[in-house]
Protein backbone atom coordinates (compact mmCIF):
# COMPACT_ATOMS: atom_id res chain seq x y z
CA MET A 1 97.65 131.71 80.25
CA ASN A 2 94.33 131.23 78.49
CA ASN A 3 92.87 128.30 80.39
CA ILE A 4 93.63 125.56 82.87
CA PHE A 5 95.08 123.31 80.16
CA ASP A 6 97.57 126.03 79.16
CA THR A 7 98.53 126.48 82.81
CA LEU A 8 98.91 122.74 83.35
CA SER A 9 101.00 122.46 80.18
CA ALA A 10 103.27 125.24 81.47
CA VAL A 11 103.68 123.40 84.78
CA ILE A 12 104.61 120.17 82.99
CA ARG A 13 107.06 121.94 80.64
CA ASN A 14 108.72 124.05 83.35
CA GLU A 15 108.73 122.00 86.55
CA ASP A 16 110.52 118.87 87.70
CA PRO A 17 108.40 115.71 87.10
CA GLN A 18 108.48 114.89 90.82
CA ASP A 19 106.97 118.29 91.65
CA VAL A 20 104.38 117.85 88.90
CA MET A 21 103.32 114.52 90.42
CA LEU A 22 103.08 116.11 93.87
CA PHE A 23 100.90 118.81 92.35
CA LEU A 24 98.66 116.33 90.52
CA THR A 25 97.99 114.48 93.77
CA ALA A 26 97.52 117.60 95.91
CA THR A 27 93.73 117.39 95.92
CA ASN A 28 93.63 113.89 97.45
CA ARG A 29 92.32 112.54 94.16
CA SER A 30 94.08 109.73 92.38
CA ILE A 31 95.77 110.03 89.02
CA SER A 32 96.38 107.05 86.73
CA TYR A 33 99.27 106.15 84.43
CA PRO A 34 97.11 106.69 81.29
CA ARG A 35 96.13 110.21 82.39
CA ILE A 36 99.72 111.07 83.33
CA ASP A 37 100.91 109.64 80.01
CA ARG A 38 98.46 111.87 78.08
CA LEU A 39 99.54 114.98 80.00
CA TYR A 40 103.23 114.38 79.34
CA ALA A 41 102.78 113.19 75.75
CA SER A 42 100.88 116.40 74.95
CA THR A 43 103.92 118.44 76.05
CA ASP A 44 106.58 116.31 74.28
CA TRP A 45 107.92 114.58 77.41
CA PRO A 46 110.05 117.33 78.94
CA TYR A 47 112.78 116.14 81.36
CA ILE A 48 112.02 112.42 81.08
CA GLY A 49 111.73 111.38 77.43
CA ASP A 50 109.04 108.68 77.66
CA ILE A 51 106.55 106.79 79.83
CA GLN A 52 109.24 104.42 81.14
CA GLY A 53 111.18 107.38 82.53
CA LEU A 54 108.05 108.73 84.12
CA MET A 55 107.23 105.34 85.62
CA ARG A 56 110.69 105.26 87.23
CA VAL A 57 110.10 108.71 88.74
CA ILE A 58 106.72 107.60 90.11
CA ASP A 59 108.05 104.29 91.43
CA GLY A 60 110.84 106.13 93.26
CA MET A 61 108.32 108.53 94.75
CA CYS A 62 106.24 105.58 95.98
CA ASP A 63 109.35 103.98 97.49
CA ARG A 64 110.05 107.23 99.40
CA GLY A 65 106.44 107.61 100.55
CA LEU A 66 105.75 110.77 98.54
CA LEU A 67 103.05 108.90 96.61
CA SER A 68 101.01 105.80 97.36
CA ARG A 69 99.37 103.36 94.98
CA SER A 70 95.60 103.05 94.95
CA LYS A 71 93.19 101.01 92.82
CA GLN A 72 92.65 104.09 90.62
CA GLY A 73 96.31 105.11 90.31
CA PHE A 74 98.41 107.25 92.64
CA VAL A 75 97.53 109.42 95.63
CA LYS A 76 99.35 111.40 98.30
CA GLY A 77 101.74 109.26 100.30
CA PRO A 78 102.58 109.58 104.00
CA HIS A 79 105.58 111.82 103.18
CA TRP A 80 103.82 113.96 100.55
CA ARG A 81 104.84 117.60 100.53
CA GLU A 82 103.57 120.60 98.64
CA PRO A 83 105.74 121.44 95.63
CA GLN A 84 107.59 124.74 95.89
CA PHE A 85 105.95 126.25 92.79
CA LEU A 86 102.55 125.74 94.42
CA THR A 87 103.70 127.27 97.71
CA GLU A 88 105.07 130.24 95.79
CA LYS A 89 101.83 130.59 93.77
CA LYS A 90 103.93 130.65 90.61
CA TYR A 91 100.95 129.76 88.38
CA LYS A 92 97.37 131.01 88.32
CA PHE A 93 94.90 128.11 88.37
CA ALA A 94 91.61 129.95 88.79
CA PRO A 95 90.01 132.59 86.55
């Protein structure tokens, strides 16, 4: 991988959208629908097809407590868990 964008693109292309969302909220920062939309649109919507599919994934995660809604977007929920690919250190995120 050449840079963080290449690594993030690989994560989005290769991992389940639920695990990607868990990863994107791992730092306790929020992520918004527009930012998520740009990330998935740049990788041709693997696994979900469009923003409506992604919204359904996110809504289900909120219902299960994996994510919570904030004013800025989505954050870790009370039942958040680390995605397996992060636990396994499958991708290199630092130079």
